[in-house]
PDB file of N, CA and C in Angstrom:
ATOM      1  N   MET A   1      -5.215  96.678  -1.445  1.00  0.00           N
ATOM      2  CA  MET A   1      -6.610  98.384  -1.967  1.00  0.00           C
ATOM      3  C   MET A   1      -5.730  99.112  -1.642  1.00  0.00           C
ATOM      4  N   GLU A   2      -5.845 100.466  -2.528  1.00  0.00           N
ATOM      5  CA  GLU A   2      -4.587 101.445  -2.102  1.00  0.00           C
ATOM      6  C   GLU A   2      -6.009 102.434  -1.399  1.00  0.00           C
ATOM      7  N   GLY A   3      -5.217 103.353  -0.779  1.00  0.00           N
ATOM      8  CA  GLY A   3      -6.224 104.905  -0.388  1.00  0.00           C
ATOM      9  C   GLY A   3      -6.477 104.342   1.156  1.00  0.00           C
ATOM     10  N   TYR A   4      -6.109 102.895   1.983  1.00  0.00           N
ATOM     11  CA  TYR A   4      -6.718 103.230   3.015  1.00  0.00           C
ATOM     12  C   TYR A   4      -6.644 103.878   4.224  1.00  0.00           C
ATOM     13  N   LEU A   5      -7.957 104.463   4.752  1.00  0.00           N
ATOM     14  CA  LEU A   5      -8.762 105.049   5.659  1.00  0.00           C
ATOM     15  C   LEU A   5      -8.390 105.418   6.940  1.00  0.00           C
ATOM     16  N   GLY A   6      -8.182 103.656   7.456  1.00  0.00           N
ATOM     17  CA  GLY A   6      -8.570 103.525   8.719  1.00  0.00           C
ATOM     18  C   GLY A   6      -9.719 102.326   9.298  1.00  0.00           C
ATOM     19  N   GLN A   7      -9.859 102.315  10.509  1.00  0.00           N
ATOM     20  CA  GLN A   7     -10.790 101.387  11.058  1.00  0.00           C
ATOM     21  C   GLN A   7     -11.816 102.380  12.127  1.00  0.00           C
ATOM     22  N   PHE A   8     -12.866 102.586  11.493  1.00  0.00           N
ATOM     23  CA  PHE A   8     -13.800 103.228  11.924  1.00  0.00           C
ATOM     24  C   PHE A   8     -14.586 102.240  13.262  1.00  0.00           C
ATOM     25  N   PRO A   9     -15.213 102.870  14.158  1.00  0.00           N
ATOM     26  CA  PRO A   9     -16.189 102.348  15.058  1.00  0.00           C
ATOM     27  C   PRO A   9     -17.352 102.133  14.504  1.00  0.00           C
ATOM     28  N   VAL A  10     -18.420 101.084  14.780  1.00  0.00           N
ATOM     29  CA  VAL A  10     -19.801 101.218  14.042  1.00  0.00           C
ATOM     30  C   VAL A  10     -20.710 100.890  15.593  1.00  0.00           C
ATOM     31  N   ASP A  11     -22.021 101.100  15.330  1.00  0.00           N
ATOM     32  CA  ASP A  11     -23.370 100.976  15.979  1.00  0.00           C
ATOM     33  C   ASP A  11     -23.976  99.651  15.411  1.00  0.00           C
ATOM     34  N   LEU A  12     -24.003  98.495  16.172  1.00  0.00           N
ATOM     35  CA  LEU A  12     -23.641  97.300  15.794  1.00  0.00           C
ATOM     36  C   LEU A  12     -25.368  97.224  15.356  1.00  0.00           C
ATOM     37  N   LYS A  13     -26.267  98.212  15.986  1.00  0.00           N
ATOM     38  CA  LYS A  13     -27.703  98.137  15.125  1.00  0.00           C
ATOM     39  C   LYS A  13     -27.886  98.742  13.814  1.00  0.00           C
ATOM     40  N   ASP A  14     -26.600  98.845  13.271  1.00  0.00           N
ATOM     41  CA  ASP A  14     -26.355  99.597  12.183  1.00  0.00           C
ATOM     42  C   ASP A  14     -25.886  98.552  11.024  1.00  0.00           C
ATOM     43  N   THR A  15     -25.503  97.631  11.700  1.00  0.00           N
ATOM     44  CA  THR A  15     -25.108  96.087  10.707  1.00  0.00           C
ATOM     45  C   THR A  15     -25.762  94.862  10.386  1.00  0.00           C
ATOM     46  N   PRO A  16     -25.707  94.407   9.737  1.00  0.00           N
ATOM     47  CA  PRO A  16     -26.028  92.901   9.420  1.00  0.00           C
ATOM     48  C   PRO A  16     -25.743  91.877  11.207  1.00  0.00           C
ATOM     49  N   PHE A  17     -25.216  92.723  11.856  1.00  0.00           N
ATOM     50  CA  PHE A  17     -24.804  91.575  12.968  1.00  0.00           C
ATOM     51  C   PHE A  17     -25.758  92.115  14.206  1.00  0.00           C
ATOM     52  N   ALA A  18     -27.111  93.020  14.174  1.00  0.00           N
ATOM     53  CA  ALA A  18     -27.525  94.139  14.615  1.00  0.00           C
ATOM     54  C   ALA A  18     -28.396  92.696  16.016  1.00  0.00           C
ATOM     55  N   ARG A  19     -28.746  91.835  15.363  1.00  0.00           N
ATOM     56  CA  ARG A  19     -29.641  91.030  16.222  1.00  0.00           C
ATOM     57  C   ARG A  19     -28.756  89.646  16.723  1.00  0.00           C
ATOM     58  N   PHE A  20     -27.638  89.657  16.649  1.00  0.00           N
ATOM     59  CA  PHE A  20     -26.948  88.343  16.703  1.00  0.00           C
ATOM     60  C   PHE A  20     -26.473  87.969  18.417  1.00  0.00           C
ATOM     61  N   THR A  21     -27.103  86.379  18.609  1.00  0.00           N
ATOM     62  CA  THR A  21     -26.818  85.684  20.047  1.00  0.00           C
ATOM     63  C   THR A  21     -25.341  85.683  19.809  1.00  0.00           C
ATOM     64  N   SER A  22     -25.033  84.773  21.377  1.00  0.00           N
ATOM     65  CA  SER A  22     -24.145  84.145  21.416  1.00  0.00           C
ATOM     66  C   SER A  22     -23.820  83.251  20.196  1.00  0.00           C
ATOM     67  N   ALA A  23     -24.705  82.310  20.289  1.00  0.00           N
ATOM     68  CA  ALA A  23     -25.149  81.132  19.020  1.00  0.00           C
ATOM     69  C   ALA A  23     -24.885  81.814  17.770  1.00  0.00           C
ATOM     70  N   ASP A  24     -25.256  82.758  17.665  1.00  0.00           N
ATOM     71  CA  ASP A  24     -24.874  83.271  16.176  1.00  0.00           C
ATOM     72  C   ASP A  24     -23.519  83.712  15.793  1.00  0.00           C
ATOM     73  N   TRP A  25     -23.392  84.468  16.808  1.00  0.00           N
ATOM     74  CA  TRP A  25     -21.686  84.470  16.633  1.00  0.00           C
ATOM     75  C   TRP A  25     -20.753  83.670  16.379  1.00  0.00           C
ATOM     76  N   ALA A  26     -20.906  82.231  17.447  1.00  0.00           N
ATOM     77  CA  ALA A  26     -19.851  80.979  17.628  1.00  0.00           C
ATOM     78  C   ALA A  26     -20.455  80.543  15.630  1.00  0.00           C
ATOM     79  N   LEU A  27     -21.531  80.286  15.035  1.00  0.00           N
ATOM     80  CA  LEU A  27     -21.870  79.810  13.927  1.00  0.00           C
ATOM     81  C   LEU A  27     -20.973  81.257  12.875  1.00  0.00           C
ATOM     82  N   HIS A  28     -21.200  82.174  13.269  1.00  0.00           N
ATOM     83  CA  HIS A  28     -20.413  83.303  12.418  1.00  0.00           C
ATOM     84  C   HIS A  28     -19.412  82.987  12.239  1.00  0.00           C
ATOM     85  N   PHE A  29     -18.432  82.482  13.259  1.00  0.00           N
ATOM     86  CA  PHE A  29     -16.921  82.528  13.311  1.00  0.00           C
ATOM     87  C   PHE A  29     -16.461  80.663  12.739  1.00  0.00           C
ATOM     88  N   ILE A  30     -17.661  79.889  12.793  1.00  0.00           N
ATOM     89  CA  ILE A  30     -17.175  78.758  12.039  1.00  0.00           C
ATOM     90  C   ILE A  30     -17.409  78.609  10.831  1.00  0.00           C
ATOM     91  N   GLU A  31     -18.677  79.339  10.677  1.00  0.00           N
ATOM     92  CA  GLU A  31     -18.997  79.403   8.782  1.00  0.00           C
ATOM     93  C   GLU A  31     -17.449  80.366   8.019  1.00  0.00           C
ATOM     94  N   ARG A  32     -17.253  81.332   8.881  1.00  0.00           N
ATOM     95  CA  ARG A  32     -16.162  82.246   8.348  1.00  0.00           C
ATOM     96  C   ARG A  32     -14.527  81.677   8.334  1.00  0.00           C
ATOM     97  N   TYR A  33     -14.387  80.808   9.632  1.00  0.00           N
ATOM     98  CA  TYR A  33     -12.800  80.298   9.843  1.00  0.00           C
ATOM     99  C   TYR A  33     -12.423  78.822   9.621  1.00  0.00           C
ATOM    100  N   GLY A  34     -13.923  78.081   9.941  1.00  0.00           N
ATOM    101  CA  GLY A  34     -13.723  76.463   9.957  1.00  0.00           C
ATOM    102  C   GLY A  34     -13.094  75.678   9.358  1.00  0.00           C
ATOM    103  N   GLY A  35     -13.083  75.986   7.396  1.00  0.00           N
ATOM    104  CA  GLY A  35     -12.345  75.926   6.406  1.00  0.00           C
ATOM    105  C   GLY A  35     -10.647  75.823   6.641  1.00  0.00           C
ATOM    106  N   ILE A  36     -10.510  76.910   7.075  1.00  0.00           N
ATOM    107  CA  ILE A  36      -8.894  77.272   7.068  1.00  0.00           C
ATOM    108  C   ILE A  36      -8.249  75.770   7.465  1.00  0.00           C
ATOM    109  N   ASP A  37      -7.105  75.313   6.841  1.00  0.00           N
ATOM    110  CA  ASP A  37      -6.441  74.397   7.494  1.00  0.00           C
ATOM    111  C   ASP A  37      -5.315  74.788   8.532  1.00  0.00           C
ATOM    112  N   GLY A  38      -4.570  74.054   9.065  1.00  0.00           N
ATOM    113  CA  GLY A  38      -3.905  74.439  10.305  1.00  0.00           C
ATOM    114  C   GLY A  38      -4.711  73.976  11.633  1.00  0.00           C
ATOM    115  N   SER A  39      -3.718  73.055  12.169  1.00  0.00           N
ATOM    116  CA  SER A  39      -4.163  72.582  13.418  1.00  0.00           C
ATOM    117  C   SER A  39      -4.343  74.260  14.509  1.00  0.00           C
ATOM    118  N   HIS A  40      -3.083  75.020  14.404  1.00  0.00           N
ATOM    119  CA  HIS A  40      -3.481  76.273  15.543  1.00  0.00           C
ATOM    120  C   HIS A  40      -4.487  77.126  14.863  1.00  0.00           C
ATOM    121  N   HIS A  41      -4.232  77.388  13.490  1.00  0.00           N
ATOM    122  CA  HIS A  41      -5.935  78.255  13.306  1.00  0.00           C
ATOM    123  C   HIS A  41      -6.957  77.419  13.865  1.00  0.00           C
ATOM    124  N   LYS A  42      -7.416  76.391  14.088  1.00  0.00           N
ATOM    125  CA  LYS A  42      -8.357  75.475  14.379  1.00  0.00           C
ATOM    126  C   LYS A  42      -8.518  75.447  16.073  1.00  0.00           C
ATOM    127  N   GLN A  43      -7.275  75.958  16.214  1.00  0.00           N
ATOM    128  CA  GLN A  43      -7.199  76.251  17.599  1.00  0.00           C
ATOM    129  C   GLN A  43      -7.563  77.372  18.248  1.00  0.00           C
ATOM    130  N   TRP A  44      -7.590  78.574  17.790  1.00  0.00           N
ATOM    131  CA  TRP A  44      -7.871  79.677  17.260  1.00  0.00           C
ATOM    132  C   TRP A  44      -9.227  79.629  17.389  1.00  0.00           C
ATOM    133  N   LEU A  45     -10.015  79.413  16.523  1.00  0.00           N
ATOM    134  CA  LEU A  45     -11.125  79.590  16.276  1.00  0.00           C
ATOM    135  C   LEU A  45     -12.000  78.717  17.413  1.00  0.00           C
ATOM    136  N   ILE A  46     -11.380  77.858  18.260  1.00  0.00           N
ATOM    137  CA  ILE A  46     -11.867  76.808  18.880  1.00  0.00           C
ATOM    138  C   ILE A  46     -12.063  77.991  20.482  1.00  0.00           C
ATOM    139  N   ASP A  47     -10.840  78.481  20.181  1.00  0.00           N
ATOM    140  CA  ASP A  47     -10.455  79.816  21.716  1.00  0.00           C
ATOM    141  C   ASP A  47     -11.820  80.456  21.599  1.00  0.00           C
ATOM    142  N   GLN A  48     -11.839  81.488  20.319  1.00  0.00           N
ATOM    143  CA  GLN A  48     -12.985  81.890  20.292  1.00  0.00           C
ATOM    144  C   GLN A  48     -14.178  81.876  20.284  1.00  0.00           C
ATOM    145  N   ILE A  49     -14.711  80.869  19.864  1.00  0.00           N
ATOM    146  CA  ILE A  49     -15.633  80.349  20.121  1.00  0.00           C
ATOM    147  C   ILE A  49     -15.932  80.146  21.870  1.00  0.00           C
ATOM    148  N   ALA A  50     -14.845  79.930  22.357  1.00  0.00           N
ATOM    149  CA  ALA A  50     -15.314  79.378  24.424  1.00  0.00           C
ATOM    150  C   ALA A  50     -15.266  80.661  24.382  1.00  0.00           C
ATOM    151  N   ARG A  51     -14.713  81.951  23.972  1.00  0.00           N
ATOM    152  CA  ARG A  51     -14.690  83.202  24.739  1.00  0.00           C
ATOM    153  C   ARG A  51     -15.989  83.857  24.339  1.00  0.00           C
ATOM    154  N   ILE A  52     -16.904  83.730  23.210  1.00  0.00           N
ATOM    155  CA  ILE A  52     -18.105  83.810  22.718  1.00  0.00           C
ATOM    156  C   ILE A  52     -19.311  83.364  23.725  1.00  0.00           C
ATOM    157  N   LEU A  53     -18.879  82.317  23.884  1.00  0.00           N
ATOM    158  CA  LEU A  53     -20.331  81.616  24.323  1.00  0.00           C
ATOM    159  C   LEU A  53     -19.606  81.453  26.272  1.00  0.00           C
ATOM    160  N   ASN A  54     -18.784  82.404  26.986  1.00  0.00           N
ATOM    161  CA  ASN A  54     -18.909  82.613  28.110  1.00  0.00           C
ATOM    162  C   ASN A  54     -18.761  84.131  28.714  1.00  0.00           C
ATOM    163  N   GLY A  55     -19.309  84.381  27.151  1.00  0.00           N
ATOM    164  CA  GLY A  55     -20.026  86.366  27.634  1.00  0.00           C
ATOM    165  C   GLY A  55     -18.903  87.083  27.198  1.00  0.00           C
ATOM    166  N   ALA A  56     -17.552  86.632  26.382  1.00  0.00           N
ATOM    167  CA  ALA A  56     -16.759  87.932  25.867  1.00  0.00           C
ATOM    168  C   ALA A  56     -17.154  88.381  24.644  1.00  0.00           C
ATOM    169  N   PRO A  57     -16.986  90.129  24.879  1.00  0.00           N
ATOM    170  CA  PRO A  57     -17.707  91.065  24.038  1.00  0.00           C
ATOM    171  C   PRO A  57     -17.126  90.628  22.627  1.00  0.00           C
ATOM    172  N   VAL A  58     -18.038  90.985  21.478  1.00  0.00           N
ATOM    173  CA  VAL A  58     -17.529  91.119  20.099  1.00  0.00           C
ATOM    174  C   VAL A  58     -17.383  92.505  19.481  1.00  0.00           C
ATOM    175  N   HIS A  59     -16.358  92.631  19.104  1.00  0.00           N
ATOM    176  CA  HIS A  59     -15.893  93.884  18.749  1.00  0.00           C
ATOM    177  C   HIS A  59     -15.941  93.856  17.048  1.00  0.00           C
ATOM    178  N   VAL A  60     -17.263  95.093  16.725  1.00  0.00           N
ATOM    179  CA  VAL A  60     -16.927  95.485  15.308  1.00  0.00           C
ATOM    180  C   VAL A  60     -16.960  97.130  14.898  1.00  0.00           C
ATOM    181  N   VAL A  61     -15.726  96.546  13.992  1.00  0.00           N
ATOM    182  CA  VAL A  61     -15.048  98.077  13.381  1.00  0.00           C
ATOM    183  C   VAL A  61     -15.080  97.807  11.685  1.00  0.00           C
ATOM    184  N   GLU A  62     -15.772  98.921  11.205  1.00  0.00           N
ATOM    185  CA  GLU A  62     -15.522  99.159   9.889  1.00  0.00           C
ATOM    186  C   GLU A  62     -13.932  99.430   9.012  1.00  0.00           C
ATOM    187  N   ALA A  63     -13.824  98.943   8.445  1.00  0.00           N
ATOM    188  CA  ALA A  63     -12.530  99.605   7.632  1.00  0.00           C
ATOM    189  C   ALA A  63     -13.331 100.007   6.461  1.00  0.00           C
ATOM    190  N   ARG A  64     -12.248 101.508   6.200  1.00  0.00           N
ATOM    191  CA  ARG A  64     -12.586 102.042   4.907  1.00  0.00           C
ATOM    192  C   ARG A  64     -11.896 101.963   4.184  1.00  0.00           C
ATOM    193  N   TRP A  65     -11.996 102.608   2.630  1.00  0.00           N
ATOM    194  CA  TRP A  65     -10.797 102.735   1.397  1.00  0.00           C
ATOM    195  C   TRP A  65     -11.226 104.033   0.422  1.00  0.00           C
ATOM    196  N   GLU A  66     -10.565 104.573   0.670  1.00  0.00           N
ATOM    197  CA  GLU A  66     -10.614 105.747  -0.613  1.00  0.00           C
ATOM    198  C   GLU A  66     -12.300 105.587  -1.645  1.00  0.00           C
ATOM    199  N   GLY A  67     -11.792 105.010  -2.037  1.00  0.00           N
ATOM    200  CA  GLY A  67     -12.505 104.621  -3.288  1.00  0.00           C
ATOM    201  C   GLY A  67     -14.181 104.303  -2.619  1.00  0.00           C
ATOM    202  N   GLY A  68     -14.627 103.993  -1.479  1.00  0.00           N
ATOM    203  CA  GLY A  68     -15.898 103.837  -1.070  1.00  0.00           C
ATOM    204  C   GLY A  68     -15.957 102.392  -0.813  1.00  0.00           C
ATOM    205  N   GLU A  69     -15.129 101.073  -0.909  1.00  0.00           N
ATOM    206  CA  GLU A  69     -14.524 100.068  -0.307  1.00  0.00           C
ATOM    207  C   GLU A  69     -14.655  99.897   1.404  1.00  0.00           C
ATOM    208  N   THR A  70     -15.358  98.892   1.891  1.00  0.00           N
ATOM    209  CA  THR A  70     -15.682  98.668   3.564  1.00  0.00           C
ATOM    210  C   THR A  70     -15.722  97.553   3.758  1.00  0.00           C
ATOM    211  N   GLU A  71     -15.299  96.912   4.597  1.00  0.00           N
ATOM    212  CA  GLU A  71     -15.518  95.559   4.817  1.00  0.00           C
ATOM    213  C   GLU A  71     -15.702  95.519   6.560  1.00  0.00           C
ATOM    214  N   TYR A  72     -16.192  94.906   7.241  1.00  0.00           N
ATOM    215  CA  TYR A  72     -16.542  94.663   8.671  1.00  0.00           C
ATOM    216  C   TYR A  72     -15.559  93.518   9.312  1.00  0.00           C
ATOM    217  N   ARG A  73     -14.728  94.219  10.257  1.00  0.00           N
ATOM    218  CA  ARG A  73     -13.440  93.406  11.137  1.00  0.00           C
ATOM    219  C   ARG A  73     -14.043  93.437  12.503  1.00  0.00           C
ATOM    220  N   ILE A  74     -13.941  91.708  12.903  1.00  0.00           N
ATOM    221  CA  ILE A  74     -14.409  91.051  13.691  1.00  0.00           C
ATOM    222  C   ILE A  74     -13.608  91.041  15.041  1.00  0.00           C
ATOM    223  N   SER A  75     -13.527  91.071  15.933  1.00  0.00           N
ATOM    224  CA  SER A  75     -12.307  90.237  17.392  1.00  0.00           C
ATOM    225  C   SER A  75     -13.432  90.192  18.117  1.00  0.00           C
ATOM    226  N   VAL A  76     -12.595  89.733  18.970  1.00  0.00           N
ATOM    227  CA  VAL A  76     -13.273  88.887  20.575  1.00  0.00           C
ATOM    228  C   VAL A  76     -12.560  89.515  22.098  1.00  0.00           C
ATOM    229  N   GLY A  77     -13.295  90.178  22.912  1.00  0.00           N
ATOM    230  CA  GLY A  77     -12.561  89.996  23.578  1.00  0.00           C
ATOM    231  C   GLY A  77     -12.262  89.344  24.701  1.00  0.00           C
ATOM    232  N   THR A  78     -11.896  89.397  25.942  1.00  0.00           N
ATOM    233  CA  THR A  78     -12.233  88.467  27.126  1.00  0.00           C
ATOM    234  C   THR A  78     -12.711  88.814  27.934  1.00  0.00           C
ATOM    235  N   CYS A  79     -13.319  87.776  29.041  1.00  0.00           N
ATOM    236  CA  CYS A  79     -14.405  88.515  30.045  1.00  0.00           C
ATOM    237  C   CYS A  79     -13.818  87.389  31.380  1.00  0.00           C
ATOM    238  N   ASP A  80     -14.784  87.971  32.494  1.00  0.00           N
ATOM    239  CA  ASP A  80     -14.373  87.013  33.729  1.00  0.00           C
ATOM    240  C   ASP A  80     -14.654  85.375  33.715  1.00  0.00           C
ATOM    241  N   GLY A  81     -15.950  85.408  32.798  1.00  0.00           N
ATOM    242  CA  GLY A  81     -16.385  84.153  32.592  1.00  0.00           C
ATOM    243  C   GLY A  81     -15.372  83.195  31.570  1.00  0.00           C
ATOM    244  N   TYR A  82     -14.713  83.789  30.708  1.00  0.00           N
ATOM    245  CA  TYR A  82     -13.985  82.967  29.566  1.00  0.00           C
ATOM    246  C   TYR A  82     -13.344  82.755  31.044  1.00  0.00           C
ATOM    247  N   THR A  83     -12.462  83.251  31.413  1.00  0.00           N
ATOM    248  CA  THR A  83     -11.187  83.104  32.479  1.00  0.00           C
ATOM    249  C   THR A  83     -11.361  82.187  33.458  1.00  0.00           C
ATOM    250  N   THR A  84     -12.742  82.396  33.683  1.00  0.00           N
ATOM    251  CA  THR A  84     -13.038  81.555  35.288  1.00  0.00           C
ATOM    252  C   THR A  84     -13.038  79.781  34.514  1.00  0.00           C
ATOM    253  N   TRP A  85     -13.584  79.764  33.093  1.00  0.00           N
ATOM    254  CA  TRP A  85     -13.823  78.435  32.208  1.00  0.00           C
ATOM    255  C   TRP A  85     -12.398  77.766  32.212  1.00  0.00           C
ATOM    256  N   ILE A  86     -11.601  78.597  31.809  1.00  0.00           N
ATOM    257  CA  ILE A  86     -10.441  78.159  31.278  1.00  0.00           C
ATOM    258  C   ILE A  86      -9.379  77.815  32.501  1.00  0.00           C
ATOM    259  N   LYS A  87      -9.501  78.378  33.513  1.00  0.00           N
ATOM    260  CA  LYS A  87      -8.196  78.196  34.910  1.00  0.00           C
ATOM    261  C   LYS A  87      -9.501  76.399  35.289  1.00  0.00           C
ATOM    262  N   GLU A  88     -10.884  76.555  35.446  1.00  0.00           N
ATOM    263  CA  GLU A  88     -11.706  75.384  35.722  1.00  0.00           C
ATOM    264  C   GLU A  88     -11.171  74.122  34.874  1.00  0.00           C
ATOM    265  N   MET A  89     -11.096  74.633  33.591  1.00  0.00           N
ATOM    266  CA  MET A  89     -10.940  73.503  32.063  1.00  0.00           C
ATOM    267  C   MET A  89      -9.788  72.871  32.564  1.00  0.00           C
ATOM    268  N   LYS A  90      -8.525  73.720  32.767  1.00  0.00           N
ATOM    269  CA  LYS A  90      -6.971  73.475  33.176  1.00  0.00           C
ATOM    270  C   LYS A  90      -6.787  72.563  34.078  1.00  0.00           C
ATOM    271  N   ASP A  91      -7.798  72.622  35.399  1.00  0.00           N
ATOM    272  CA  ASP A  91      -7.698  72.028  36.734  1.00  0.00           C
ATOM    273  C   ASP A  91      -8.077  70.846  36.692  1.00  0.00           C
ATOM    274  N   GLY A  92      -7.616  69.485  36.368  1.00  0.00           N
ATOM    275  CA  GLY A  92      -8.261  68.390  36.162  1.00  0.00           C
ATOM    276  C   GLY A  92      -8.063  67.363  37.806  1.00  0.00           C
ATOM    277  N   GLU A  93      -8.543  65.933  37.392  1.00  0.00           N
ATOM    278  CA  GLU A  93      -8.568  65.014  38.507  1.00  0.00           C
ATOM    279  C   GLU A  93      -7.189  65.176  39.345  1.00  0.00           C
ATOM    280  N   ASP A  94      -5.921  65.348  38.606  1.00  0.00           N
ATOM    281  CA  ASP A  94      -4.580  65.318  38.932  1.00  0.00           C
ATOM    282  C   ASP A  94      -4.291  66.652  39.845  1.00  0.00           C
ATOM    283  N   GLY A  95      -4.943  67.579  39.602  1.00  0.00           N
ATOM    284  CA  GLY A  95      -4.744  68.917  40.071  1.00  0.00           C
ATOM    285  C   GLY A  95      -4.311  69.842  39.412  1.00  0.00           C
ATOM    286  N   PRO A  96      -4.290  71.232  39.994  1.00  0.00           N
ATOM    287  CA  PRO A  96      -4.292  72.419  39.163  1.00  0.00           C
ATOM    288  C   PRO A  96      -3.235  72.664  38.038  1.00  0.00           C
ATOM    289  N   GLU A  97      -3.866  72.588  36.830  1.00  0.00           N
ATOM    290  CA  GLU A  97      -2.797  73.028  35.349  1.00  0.00           C
ATOM    291  C   GLU A  97      -2.010  71.323  34.700  1.00  0.00           C
ATOM    292  N   THR A  98      -3.577  70.420  35.193  1.00  0.00           N
ATOM    293  CA  THR A  98      -3.561  69.518  34.769  1.00  0.00           C
ATOM    294  C   THR A  98      -3.300  69.542  33.512  1.00  0.00           C
ATOM    295  N   TYR A  99      -4.333  70.107  32.602  1.00  0.00           N
ATOM    296  CA  TYR A  99      -4.566  70.254  31.491  1.00  0.00           C
ATOM    297  C   TYR A  99      -3.847  71.828  30.577  1.00  0.00           C
ATOM    298  N   ASP A 100      -3.842  71.500  29.661  1.00  0.00           N
ATOM    299  CA  ASP A 100      -3.187  72.699  28.545  1.00  0.00           C
ATOM    300  C   ASP A 100      -3.709  73.429  28.063  1.00  0.00           C
ATOM    301  N   TRP A 101      -4.100  74.518  27.919  1.00  0.00           N
ATOM    302  CA  TRP A 101      -5.274  75.260  26.573  1.00  0.00           C
ATOM    303  C   TRP A 101      -4.136  76.285  25.765  1.00  0.00           C
ATOM    304  N   GLU A 102      -4.093  76.126  24.534  1.00  0.00           N
ATOM    305  CA  GLU A 102      -3.473  76.943  23.470  1.00  0.00           C
ATOM    306  C   GLU A 102      -4.876  77.923  22.867  1.00  0.00           C
ATOM    307  N   GLU A 103      -3.991  79.506  22.942  1.00  0.00           N
ATOM    308  CA  GLU A 103      -5.301  80.548  22.090  1.00  0.00           C
ATOM    309  C   GLU A 103      -5.157  79.873  20.511  1.00  0.00           C
ATOM    310  N   GLY A 104      -4.378  79.529  19.858  1.00  0.00           N
ATOM    311  CA  GLY A 104      -4.091  79.542  18.614  1.00  0.00           C
ATOM    312  C   GLY A 104      -3.444  80.722  18.006  1.00  0.00           C
ATOM    313  N   ILE A 105      -3.444  80.453  16.620  1.00  0.00           N
ATOM    314  CA  ILE A 105      -2.873  81.819  16.207  1.00  0.00           C
ATOM    315  C   ILE A 105      -4.120  82.204  14.879  1.00  0.00           C
ATOM    316  N   ALA A 106      -4.517  83.635  14.801  1.00  0.00           N
ATOM    317  CA  ALA A 106      -5.934  83.898  14.134  1.00  0.00           C
ATOM    318  C   ALA A 106      -4.913  83.526  12.719  1.00  0.00           C
ATOM    319  N   PRO A 107      -5.851  83.579  11.557  1.00  0.00           N
ATOM    320  CA  PRO A 107      -5.511  82.912  10.313  1.00  0.00           C
ATOM    321  C   PRO A 107      -5.392  84.327   9.655  1.00  0.00           C
TER     322      PRO A 107
END
């Protein structure tokens, strides 16, 4: 689309996501990205869900174009709960860094 104006912050209470819980966000990501082929994309989806369920913040901005078109763009941050979970998950029975974790590639 031509005439891209940029991304603008939004107040979640003014969006369809106003009452989303962590479970709602996880399901939203599954519905939106679960059907995309590629193991690297599936790993990204799993990572996003792990972040959400461990308390990472979900950021929503609105992209706008001159003709009045808009779309919400959603990203997930990180948090201590996610970082701790990854460390604990990677430390297996055989010691630290026993298991691997990939963040994948966004579709």
